[in-house]
Amino acid sequence: MTETSISLLSILVGILGAVFLGFLKSNLSLGITANIIIGVFASIFVIKSFGRLGFTPNDIMIHQKVNYFLLGVNLFISIVSGMLGLFVIANIKRKLPN
């Protein structure tokens, strides 16, 4: 695995988190396209913002070996950020006037 493939996997997991939450809670869903876009941007935003805590792709690939614990943390944070991003955007949309 390279840093690029870890980044792409993290974005994919963020997308899956947002789509999965939209599937489970249909009142939060904004459509499949919007859920995918929210999942992408939420996972990138959270990983870039909090990545200095030590779970970035560069930290996962130390000396050409995969640290599976950090990879698990990265993927968990990506899926939660995708779900949280959809939840926040759906609540903002609900509070806006029609």
PDB file of N, CA and C in Angstrom:
ATOM      1  N   MET A   1       0.846  -1.190   0.000  1.00  0.00           N
ATOM      2  CA  MET A   1       0.000   0.000   0.000  1.00  0.00           C
ATOM      3  C   MET A   1       0.880   1.238   0.000  1.00  0.00           C
ATOM      4  N   THR A   2       0.422   2.223  -0.700  1.00  0.00           N
ATOM      5  CA  THR A   2       1.138   3.486  -0.695  1.00  0.00           C
ATOM      6  C   THR A   2       0.283   4.532   0.003  1.00  0.00           C
ATOM      7  N   GLU A   3       0.868   5.699   0.216  1.00  0.00           N
ATOM      8  CA  GLU A   3       0.132   6.782   0.863  1.00  0.00           C
ATOM      9  C   GLU A   3      -1.081   7.202   0.027  1.00  0.00           C
ATOM     10  N   THR A   4      -0.921   7.166  -1.289  1.00  0.00           N
ATOM     11  CA  THR A   4      -2.025   7.554  -2.166  1.00  0.00           C
ATOM     12  C   THR A   4      -3.187   6.577  -2.073  1.00  0.00           C
ATOM     13  N   SER A   5      -2.890   5.296  -2.053  1.00  0.00           N
ATOM     14  CA  SER A   5      -3.976   4.318  -1.948  1.00  0.00           C
ATOM     15  C   SER A   5      -4.651   4.379  -0.583  1.00  0.00           C
ATOM     16  N   ILE A   6      -3.913   4.702   0.460  1.00  0.00           N
ATOM     17  CA  ILE A   6      -4.517   4.868   1.784  1.00  0.00           C
ATOM     18  C   ILE A   6      -5.431   6.085   1.786  1.00  0.00           C
ATOM     19  N   SER A   7      -5.022   7.163   1.147  1.00  0.00           N
ATOM     20  CA  SER A   7      -5.863   8.352   1.059  1.00  0.00           C
ATOM     21  C   SER A   7      -7.148   8.071   0.287  1.00  0.00           C
ATOM     22  N   LEU A   8      -7.031   7.375  -0.827  1.00  0.00           N
ATOM     23  CA  LEU A   8      -8.219   7.036  -1.616  1.00  0.00           C
ATOM     24  C   LEU A   8      -9.150   6.090  -0.866  1.00  0.00           C
ATOM     25  N   LEU A   9      -8.579   5.140  -0.132  1.00  0.00           N
ATOM     26  CA  LEU A   9      -9.389   4.233   0.680  1.00  0.00           C
ATOM     27  C   LEU A   9     -10.105   4.995   1.785  1.00  0.00           C
ATOM     28  N   SER A  10      -9.432   5.972   2.368  1.00  0.00           N
ATOM     29  CA  SER A  10     -10.039   6.791   3.414  1.00  0.00           C
ATOM     30  C   SER A  10     -11.208   7.608   2.864  1.00  0.00           C
ATOM     31  N   ILE A  11     -11.054   8.160   1.681  1.00  0.00           N
ATOM     32  CA  ILE A  11     -12.139   8.915   1.055  1.00  0.00           C
ATOM     33  C   ILE A  11     -13.300   7.991   0.710  1.00  0.00           C
ATOM     34  N   LEU A  12     -13.007   6.801   0.197  1.00  0.00           N
ATOM     35  CA  LEU A  12     -14.047   5.837  -0.129  1.00  0.00           C
ATOM     36  C   LEU A  12     -14.835   5.415   1.111  1.00  0.00           C
ATOM     37  N   VAL A  13     -14.148   5.237   2.225  1.00  0.00           N
ATOM     38  CA  VAL A  13     -14.828   4.866   3.467  1.00  0.00           C
ATOM     39  C   VAL A  13     -15.696   6.020   3.962  1.00  0.00           C
ATOM     40  N   GLY A  14     -15.248   7.270   3.793  1.00  0.00           N
ATOM     41  CA  GLY A  14     -16.075   8.422   4.135  1.00  0.00           C
ATOM     42  C   GLY A  14     -17.338   8.487   3.298  1.00  0.00           C
ATOM     43  N   ILE A  15     -17.205   8.176   2.013  1.00  0.00           N
ATOM     44  CA  ILE A  15     -18.373   8.124   1.126  1.00  0.00           C
ATOM     45  C   ILE A  15     -19.339   7.037   1.602  1.00  0.00           C
ATOM     46  N   LEU A  16     -18.799   5.874   1.906  1.00  0.00           N
ATOM     47  CA  LEU A  16     -19.647   4.770   2.354  1.00  0.00           C
ATOM     48  C   LEU A  16     -20.358   5.104   3.662  1.00  0.00           C
ATOM     49  N   GLY A  17     -19.682   5.835   4.544  1.00  0.00           N
ATOM     50  CA  GLY A  17     -20.319   6.244   5.795  1.00  0.00           C
ATOM     51  C   GLY A  17     -21.500   7.165   5.562  1.00  0.00           C
ATOM     52  N   ALA A  18     -21.333   8.133   4.686  1.00  0.00           N
ATOM     53  CA  ALA A  18     -22.424   9.068   4.405  1.00  0.00           C
ATOM     54  C   ALA A  18     -23.579   8.379   3.687  1.00  0.00           C
ATOM     55  N   VAL A  19     -23.267   7.534   2.720  1.00  0.00           N
ATOM     56  CA  VAL A  19     -24.317   6.827   1.981  1.00  0.00           C
ATOM     57  C   VAL A  19     -25.042   5.845   2.899  1.00  0.00           C
ATOM     58  N   PHE A  20     -24.306   5.167   3.758  1.00  0.00           N
ATOM     59  CA  PHE A  20     -24.906   4.202   4.674  1.00  0.00           C
ATOM     60  C   PHE A  20     -25.839   4.890   5.664  1.00  0.00           C
ATOM     61  N   LEU A  21     -25.422   6.035   6.200  1.00  0.00           N
ATOM     62  CA  LEU A  21     -26.300   6.767   7.118  1.00  0.00           C
ATOM     63  C   LEU A  21     -27.531   7.278   6.379  1.00  0.00           C
ATOM     64  N   GLY A  22     -27.377   7.734   5.157  1.00  0.00           N
ATOM     65  CA  GLY A  22     -28.518   8.167   4.359  1.00  0.00           C
ATOM     66  C   GLY A  22     -29.468   7.026   4.052  1.00  0.00           C
ATOM     67  N   PHE A  23     -28.913   5.822   3.903  1.00  0.00           N
ATOM     68  CA  PHE A  23     -29.750   4.643   3.667  1.00  0.00           C
ATOM     69  C   PHE A  23     -30.504   4.240   4.934  1.00  0.00           C
ATOM     70  N   LEU A  24     -29.828   4.313   6.080  1.00  0.00           N
ATOM     71  CA  LEU A  24     -30.467   3.934   7.341  1.00  0.00           C
ATOM     72  C   LEU A  24     -31.497   4.960   7.806  1.00  0.00           C
ATOM     73  N   LYS A  25     -31.156   6.212   7.706  1.00  0.00           N
ATOM     74  CA  LYS A  25     -32.041   7.297   8.132  1.00  0.00           C
ATOM     75  C   LYS A  25     -32.453   8.080   6.894  1.00  0.00           C
ATOM     76  N   SER A  26     -33.583   7.722   6.314  1.00  0.00           N
ATOM     77  CA  SER A  26     -33.990   8.339   5.053  1.00  0.00           C
ATOM     78  C   SER A  26     -34.347   9.817   5.217  1.00  0.00           C
ATOM     79  N   ASN A  27     -34.671  10.251   6.439  1.00  0.00           N
ATOM     80  CA  ASN A  27     -34.964  11.675   6.625  1.00  0.00           C
ATOM     81  C   ASN A  27     -33.688  12.519   6.591  1.00  0.00           C
ATOM     82  N   LEU A  28     -32.527  11.910   6.740  1.00  0.00           N
ATOM     83  CA  LEU A  28     -31.262  12.647   6.641  1.00  0.00           C
ATOM     84  C   LEU A  28     -30.690  12.631   5.230  1.00  0.00           C
ATOM     85  N   SER A  29     -31.172  11.738   4.380  1.00  0.00           N
ATOM     86  CA  SER A  29     -30.613  11.587   3.050  1.00  0.00           C
ATOM     87  C   SER A  29     -30.943  12.789   2.171  1.00  0.00           C
ATOM     88  N   LEU A  30     -29.950  13.237   1.427  1.00  0.00           N
ATOM     89  CA  LEU A  30     -30.128  14.355   0.497  1.00  0.00           C
ATOM     90  C   LEU A  30     -30.034  13.883  -0.956  1.00  0.00           C
ATOM     91  N   GLY A  31     -30.118  12.579  -1.162  1.00  0.00           N
ATOM     92  CA  GLY A  31     -29.931  12.005  -2.494  1.00  0.00           C
ATOM     93  C   GLY A  31     -28.548  11.388  -2.573  1.00  0.00           C
ATOM     94  N   ILE A  32     -28.389  10.419  -3.439  1.00  0.00           N
ATOM     95  CA  ILE A  32     -27.134   9.675  -3.501  1.00  0.00           C
ATOM     96  C   ILE A  32     -25.959  10.562  -3.912  1.00  0.00           C
ATOM     97  N   THR A  33     -26.176  11.474  -4.845  1.00  0.00           N
ATOM     98  CA  THR A  33     -25.090  12.337  -5.302  1.00  0.00           C
ATOM     99  C   THR A  33     -24.644  13.294  -4.208  1.00  0.00           C
ATOM    100  N   ALA A  34     -25.590  13.905  -3.524  1.00  0.00           N
ATOM    101  CA  ALA A  34     -25.246  14.821  -2.440  1.00  0.00           C
ATOM    102  C   ALA A  34     -24.587  14.079  -1.282  1.00  0.00           C
ATOM    103  N   ASN A  35     -25.063  12.874  -0.984  1.00  0.00           N
ATOM    104  CA  ASN A  35     -24.443  12.088   0.085  1.00  0.00           C
ATOM    105  C   ASN A  35     -22.997  11.746  -0.246  1.00  0.00           C
ATOM    106  N   ILE A  36     -22.733  11.420  -1.509  1.00  0.00           N
ATOM    107  CA  ILE A  36     -21.360  11.108  -1.925  1.00  0.00           C
ATOM    108  C   ILE A  36     -20.471  12.340  -1.803  1.00  0.00           C
ATOM    109  N   ILE A  37     -20.953  13.479  -2.252  1.00  0.00           N
ATOM    110  CA  ILE A  37     -20.161  14.708  -2.179  1.00  0.00           C
ATOM    111  C   ILE A  37     -19.890  15.085  -0.724  1.00  0.00           C
ATOM    112  N   ILE A  38     -20.889  14.961   0.123  1.00  0.00           N
ATOM    113  CA  ILE A  38     -20.713  15.262   1.544  1.00  0.00           C
ATOM    114  C   ILE A  38     -19.700  14.301   2.166  1.00  0.00           C
ATOM    115  N   GLY A  39     -19.769  13.018   1.810  1.00  0.00           N
ATOM    116  CA  GLY A  39     -18.822  12.041   2.336  1.00  0.00           C
ATOM    117  C   GLY A  39     -17.392  12.345   1.939  1.00  0.00           C
ATOM    118  N   VAL A  40     -17.191  12.761   0.697  1.00  0.00           N
ATOM    119  CA  VAL A  40     -15.846  13.104   0.219  1.00  0.00           C
ATOM    120  C   VAL A  40     -15.289  14.284   0.995  1.00  0.00           C
ATOM    121  N   PHE A  41     -16.049  15.379   1.029  1.00  0.00           N
ATOM    122  CA  PHE A  41     -15.518  16.581   1.646  1.00  0.00           C
ATOM    123  C   PHE A  41     -15.394  16.464   3.157  1.00  0.00           C
ATOM    124  N   ALA A  42     -16.297  15.759   3.796  1.00  0.00           N
ATOM    125  CA  ALA A  42     -16.208  15.603   5.251  1.00  0.00           C
ATOM    126  C   ALA A  42     -15.002  14.758   5.634  1.00  0.00           C
ATOM    127  N   SER A  43     -14.764  13.665   4.922  1.00  0.00           N
ATOM    128  CA  SER A  43     -13.620  12.824   5.274  1.00  0.00           C
ATOM    129  C   SER A  43     -12.298  13.542   4.999  1.00  0.00           C
ATOM    130  N   ILE A  44     -12.206  14.259   3.894  1.00  0.00           N
ATOM    131  CA  ILE A  44     -10.975  15.006   3.604  1.00  0.00           C
ATOM    132  C   ILE A  44     -10.763  16.097   4.646  1.00  0.00           C
ATOM    133  N   PHE A  45     -11.821  16.828   4.994  1.00  0.00           N
ATOM    134  CA  PHE A  45     -11.711  17.912   5.957  1.00  0.00           C
ATOM    135  C   PHE A  45     -11.230  17.411   7.315  1.00  0.00           C
ATOM    136  N   VAL A  46     -11.823  16.326   7.798  1.00  0.00           N
ATOM    137  CA  VAL A  46     -11.455  15.832   9.129  1.00  0.00           C
ATOM    138  C   VAL A  46     -10.050  15.237   9.130  1.00  0.00           C
ATOM    139  N   ILE A  47      -9.693  14.470   8.117  1.00  0.00           N
ATOM    140  CA  ILE A  47      -8.357  13.878   8.079  1.00  0.00           C
ATOM    141  C   ILE A  47      -7.292  14.963   7.951  1.00  0.00           C
ATOM    142  N   LYS A  48      -7.551  15.984   7.139  1.00  0.00           N
ATOM    143  CA  LYS A  48      -6.580  17.075   7.016  1.00  0.00           C
ATOM    144  C   LYS A  48      -6.520  17.928   8.284  1.00  0.00           C
ATOM    145  N   SER A  49      -7.655  18.121   8.942  1.00  0.00           N
ATOM    146  CA  SER A  49      -7.679  18.968  10.135  1.00  0.00           C
ATOM    147  C   SER A  49      -7.045  18.287  11.346  1.00  0.00           C
ATOM    148  N   PHE A  50      -7.406  17.031  11.560  1.00  0.00           N
ATOM    149  CA  PHE A  50      -6.940  16.334  12.754  1.00  0.00           C
ATOM    150  C   PHE A  50      -5.840  15.333  12.465  1.00  0.00           C
ATOM    151  N   GLY A  51      -5.308  15.335  11.273  1.00  0.00           N
ATOM    152  CA  GLY A  51      -4.266  14.393  10.898  1.00  0.00           C
ATOM    153  C   GLY A  51      -2.966  14.591  11.638  1.00  0.00           C
ATOM    154  N   ARG A  52      -2.759  15.754  12.186  1.00  0.00           N
ATOM    155  CA  ARG A  52      -1.534  16.002  12.943  1.00  0.00           C
ATOM    156  C   ARG A  52      -1.477  15.212  14.243  1.00  0.00           C
ATOM    157  N   LEU A  53      -2.587  14.559  14.573  1.00  0.00           N
ATOM    158  CA  LEU A  53      -2.588  13.702  15.760  1.00  0.00           C
ATOM    159  C   LEU A  53      -1.883  12.375  15.494  1.00  0.00           C
ATOM    160  N   GLY A  54      -1.563  12.075  14.243  1.00  0.00           N
ATOM    161  CA  GLY A  54      -0.724  10.919  13.950  1.00  0.00           C
ATOM    162  C   GLY A  54      -1.372   9.805  13.178  1.00  0.00           C
ATOM    163  N   PHE A  55      -2.430  10.064  12.438  1.00  0.00           N
ATOM    164  CA  PHE A  55      -3.043   8.988  11.655  1.00  0.00           C
ATOM    165  C   PHE A  55      -3.161   9.350  10.187  1.00  0.00           C
ATOM    166  N   THR A  56      -2.251  10.155   9.690  1.00  0.00           N
ATOM    167  CA  THR A  56      -2.218  10.487   8.270  1.00  0.00           C
ATOM    168  C   THR A  56      -1.604   9.312   7.494  1.00  0.00           C
ATOM    169  N   PRO A  57      -1.791   9.271   6.177  1.00  0.00           N
ATOM    170  CA  PRO A  57      -1.193   8.184   5.391  1.00  0.00           C
ATOM    171  C   PRO A  57       0.335   8.115   5.518  1.00  0.00           C
ATOM    172  N   ASN A  58       0.986   9.252   5.684  1.00  0.00           N
ATOM    173  CA  ASN A  58       2.434   9.222   5.862  1.00  0.00           C
ATOM    174  C   ASN A  58       2.821   8.566   7.184  1.00  0.00           C
ATOM    175  N   ASP A  59       2.024   8.766   8.220  1.00  0.00           N
ATOM    176  CA  ASP A  59       2.298   8.135   9.514  1.00  0.00           C
ATOM    177  C   ASP A  59       1.961   6.647   9.485  1.00  0.00           C
ATOM    178  N   ILE A  60       0.995   6.262   8.676  1.00  0.00           N
ATOM    179  CA  ILE A  60       0.626   4.853   8.579  1.00  0.00           C
ATOM    180  C   ILE A  60       1.724   4.059   7.878  1.00  0.00           C
ATOM    181  N   MET A  61       2.355   4.666   6.890  1.00  0.00           N
ATOM    182  CA  MET A  61       3.414   3.989   6.127  1.00  0.00           C
ATOM    183  C   MET A  61       4.792   4.444   6.621  1.00  0.00           C
ATOM    184  N   ILE A  62       5.217   3.932   7.736  1.00  0.00           N
ATOM    185  CA  ILE A  62       6.557   4.233   8.258  1.00  0.00           C
ATOM    186  C   ILE A  62       7.501   3.117   7.825  1.00  0.00           C
ATOM    187  N   HIS A  63       8.594   3.474   7.186  1.00  0.00           N
ATOM    188  CA  HIS A  63       9.627   2.532   6.733  1.00  0.00           C
ATOM    189  C   HIS A  63       9.049   1.436   5.842  1.00  0.00           C
ATOM    190  N   GLN A  64       8.127   1.818   4.967  1.00  0.00           N
ATOM    191  CA  GLN A  64       7.501   0.917   3.991  1.00  0.00           C
ATOM    192  C   GLN A  64       6.750  -0.249   4.633  1.00  0.00           C
ATOM    193  N   LYS A  65       6.320  -0.082   5.872  1.00  0.00           N
ATOM    194  CA  LYS A  65       5.499  -1.082   6.557  1.00  0.00           C
ATOM    195  C   LYS A  65       4.209  -0.417   6.992  1.00  0.00           C
ATOM    196  N   VAL A  66       3.109  -1.166   6.950  1.00  0.00           N
ATOM    197  CA  VAL A  66       1.796  -0.628   7.290  1.00  0.00           C
ATOM    198  C   VAL A  66       1.569  -0.790   8.793  1.00  0.00           C
ATOM    199  N   ASN A  67       1.218   0.306   9.449  1.00  0.00           N
ATOM    200  CA  ASN A  67       0.804   0.262  10.844  1.00  0.00           C
ATOM    201  C   ASN A  67      -0.712   0.080  10.834  1.00  0.00           C
ATOM    202  N   TYR A  68      -1.156  -1.134  11.099  1.00  0.00           N
ATOM    203  CA  TYR A  68      -2.573  -1.469  10.953  1.00  0.00           C
ATOM    204  C   TYR A  68      -3.446  -0.798  12.005  1.00  0.00           C
ATOM    205  N   PHE A  69      -2.892  -0.522  13.166  1.00  0.00           N
ATOM    206  CA  PHE A  69      -3.670   0.192  14.173  1.00  0.00           C
ATOM    207  C   PHE A  69      -3.996   1.604  13.695  1.00  0.00           C
ATOM    208  N   LEU A  70      -2.994   2.317  13.173  1.00  0.00           N
ATOM    209  CA  LEU A  70      -3.236   3.668  12.658  1.00  0.00           C
ATOM    210  C   LEU A  70      -4.137   3.646  11.432  1.00  0.00           C
ATOM    211  N   LEU A  71      -4.024   2.605  10.608  1.00  0.00           N
ATOM    212  CA  LEU A  71      -4.925   2.471   9.458  1.00  0.00           C
ATOM    213  C   LEU A  71      -6.363   2.296   9.934  1.00  0.00           C
ATOM    214  N   GLY A  72      -6.560   1.496  10.975  1.00  0.00           N
ATOM    215  CA  GLY A  72      -7.901   1.320  11.540  1.00  0.00           C
ATOM    216  C   GLY A  72      -8.452   2.610  12.115  1.00  0.00           C
ATOM    217  N   VAL A  73      -7.601   3.371  12.800  1.00  0.00           N
ATOM    218  CA  VAL A  73      -8.024   4.670  13.337  1.00  0.00           C
ATOM    219  C   VAL A  73      -8.412   5.612  12.207  1.00  0.00           C
ATOM    220  N   ASN A  74      -7.606   5.638  11.162  1.00  0.00           N
ATOM    221  CA  ASN A  74      -7.876   6.496  10.014  1.00  0.00           C
ATOM    222  C   ASN A  74      -9.209   6.137   9.370  1.00  0.00           C
ATOM    223  N   LEU A  75      -9.454   4.857   9.149  1.00  0.00           N
ATOM    224  CA  LEU A  75     -10.692   4.433   8.499  1.00  0.00           C
ATOM    225  C   LEU A  75     -11.901   4.661   9.401  1.00  0.00           C
ATOM    226  N   PHE A  76     -11.745   4.446  10.695  1.00  0.00           N
ATOM    227  CA  PHE A  76     -12.842   4.703  11.628  1.00  0.00           C
ATOM    228  C   PHE A  76     -13.204   6.178  11.647  1.00  0.00           C
ATOM    229  N   ILE A  77     -12.199   7.034  11.695  1.00  0.00           N
ATOM    230  CA  ILE A  77     -12.456   8.476  11.701  1.00  0.00           C
ATOM    231  C   ILE A  77     -13.068   8.913  10.374  1.00  0.00           C
ATOM    232  N   SER A  78     -12.668   8.302   9.283  1.00  0.00           N
ATOM    233  CA  SER A  78     -13.255   8.642   7.980  1.00  0.00           C
ATOM    234  C   SER A  78     -14.728   8.283   7.914  1.00  0.00           C
ATOM    235  N   ILE A  79     -15.100   7.099   8.393  1.00  0.00           N
ATOM    236  CA  ILE A  79     -16.504   6.696   8.329  1.00  0.00           C
ATOM    237  C   ILE A  79     -17.352   7.548   9.266  1.00  0.00           C
ATOM    238  N   VAL A  80     -16.819   7.862  10.430  1.00  0.00           N
ATOM    239  CA  VAL A  80     -17.565   8.715  11.360  1.00  0.00           C
ATOM    240  C   VAL A  80     -17.692  10.126  10.815  1.00  0.00           C
ATOM    241  N   SER A  81     -16.649  10.629  10.172  1.00  0.00           N
ATOM    242  CA  SER A  81     -16.722  11.988   9.625  1.00  0.00           C
ATOM    243  C   SER A  81     -17.704  12.065   8.461  1.00  0.00           C
ATOM    244  N   GLY A  82     -17.797  11.020   7.647  1.00  0.00           N
ATOM    245  CA  GLY A  82     -18.797  11.001   6.580  1.00  0.00           C
ATOM    246  C   GLY A  82     -20.207  11.030   7.139  1.00  0.00           C
ATOM    247  N   MET A  83     -20.439  10.249   8.185  1.00  0.00           N
ATOM    248  CA  MET A  83     -21.756  10.235   8.829  1.00  0.00           C
ATOM    249  C   MET A  83     -22.057  11.570   9.503  1.00  0.00           C
ATOM    250  N   LEU A  84     -21.077  12.101  10.198  1.00  0.00           N
ATOM    251  CA  LEU A  84     -21.268  13.380  10.892  1.00  0.00           C
ATOM    252  C   LEU A  84     -21.485  14.519   9.900  1.00  0.00           C
ATOM    253  N   GLY A  85     -20.761  14.497   8.782  1.00  0.00           N
ATOM    254  CA  GLY A  85     -20.945  15.521   7.759  1.00  0.00           C
ATOM    255  C   GLY A  85     -22.353  15.507   7.190  1.00  0.00           C
ATOM    256  N   LEU A  86     -22.880  14.321   6.918  1.00  0.00           N
ATOM    257  CA  LEU A  86     -24.249  14.220   6.409  1.00  0.00           C
ATOM    258  C   LEU A  86     -25.253  14.689   7.450  1.00  0.00           C
ATOM    259  N   PHE A  87     -25.031  14.326   8.694  1.00  0.00           N
ATOM    260  CA  PHE A  87     -25.926  14.743   9.770  1.00  0.00           C
ATOM    261  C   PHE A  87     -25.953  16.266   9.909  1.00  0.00           C
ATOM    262  N   VAL A  88     -24.791  16.897   9.879  1.00  0.00           N
ATOM    263  CA  VAL A  88     -24.706  18.356  10.033  1.00  0.00           C
ATOM    264  C   VAL A  88     -25.355  19.067   8.849  1.00  0.00           C
ATOM    265  N   ILE A  89     -25.045  18.648   7.631  1.00  0.00           N
ATOM    266  CA  ILE A  89     -25.599  19.300   6.442  1.00  0.00           C
ATOM    267  C   ILE A  89     -27.114  19.104   6.365  1.00  0.00           C
ATOM    268  N   ALA A  90     -27.607  17.920   6.734  1.00  0.00           N
ATOM    269  CA  ALA A  90     -29.048  17.677   6.705  1.00  0.00           C
ATOM    270  C   ALA A  90     -29.765  18.550   7.738  1.00  0.00           C
ATOM    271  N   ASN A  91     -29.153  18.742   8.906  1.00  0.00           N
ATOM    272  CA  ASN A  91     -29.769  19.626   9.905  1.00  0.00           C
ATOM    273  C   ASN A  91     -29.738  21.084   9.477  1.00  0.00           C
ATOM    274  N   ILE A  92     -28.682  21.514   8.821  1.00  0.00           N
ATOM    275  CA  ILE A  92     -28.623  22.880   8.307  1.00  0.00           C
ATOM    276  C   ILE A  92     -29.697  23.076   7.239  1.00  0.00           C
ATOM    277  N   LYS A  93     -29.828  22.094   6.347  1.00  0.00           N
ATOM    278  CA  LYS A  93     -30.830  22.190   5.277  1.00  0.00           C
ATOM    279  C   LYS A  93     -32.247  22.219   5.853  1.00  0.00           C
ATOM    280  N   ARG A  94     -32.486  21.469   6.900  1.00  0.00           N
ATOM    281  CA  ARG A  94     -33.805  21.422   7.511  1.00  0.00           C
ATOM    282  C   ARG A  94     -34.171  22.767   8.154  1.00  0.00           C
ATOM    283  N   LYS A  95     -33.191  23.497   8.660  1.00  0.00           N
ATOM    284  CA  LYS A  95     -33.459  24.764   9.328  1.00  0.00           C
ATOM    285  C   LYS A  95     -33.578  25.942   8.369  1.00  0.00           C
ATOM    286  N   LEU A  96     -33.176  25.750   7.118  1.00  0.00           N
ATOM    287  CA  LEU A  96     -33.313  26.831   6.134  1.00  0.00           C
ATOM    288  C   LEU A  96     -34.778  26.956   5.690  1.00  0.00           C
ATOM    289  N   PRO A  97     -35.211  28.160   5.395  1.00  0.00           N
ATOM    290  CA  PRO A  97     -36.583  28.311   4.884  1.00  0.00           C
ATOM    291  C   PRO A  97     -36.687  27.759   3.468  1.00  0.00           C
ATOM    292  N   ASN A  98     -37.862  27.313   3.125  1.00  0.00           N
ATOM    293  CA  ASN A  98     -38.063  26.767   1.763  1.00  0.00           C
ATOM    294  C   ASN A  98     -38.045  27.900   0.824  1.00  0.00           C
TER     295      ASN A  98
END
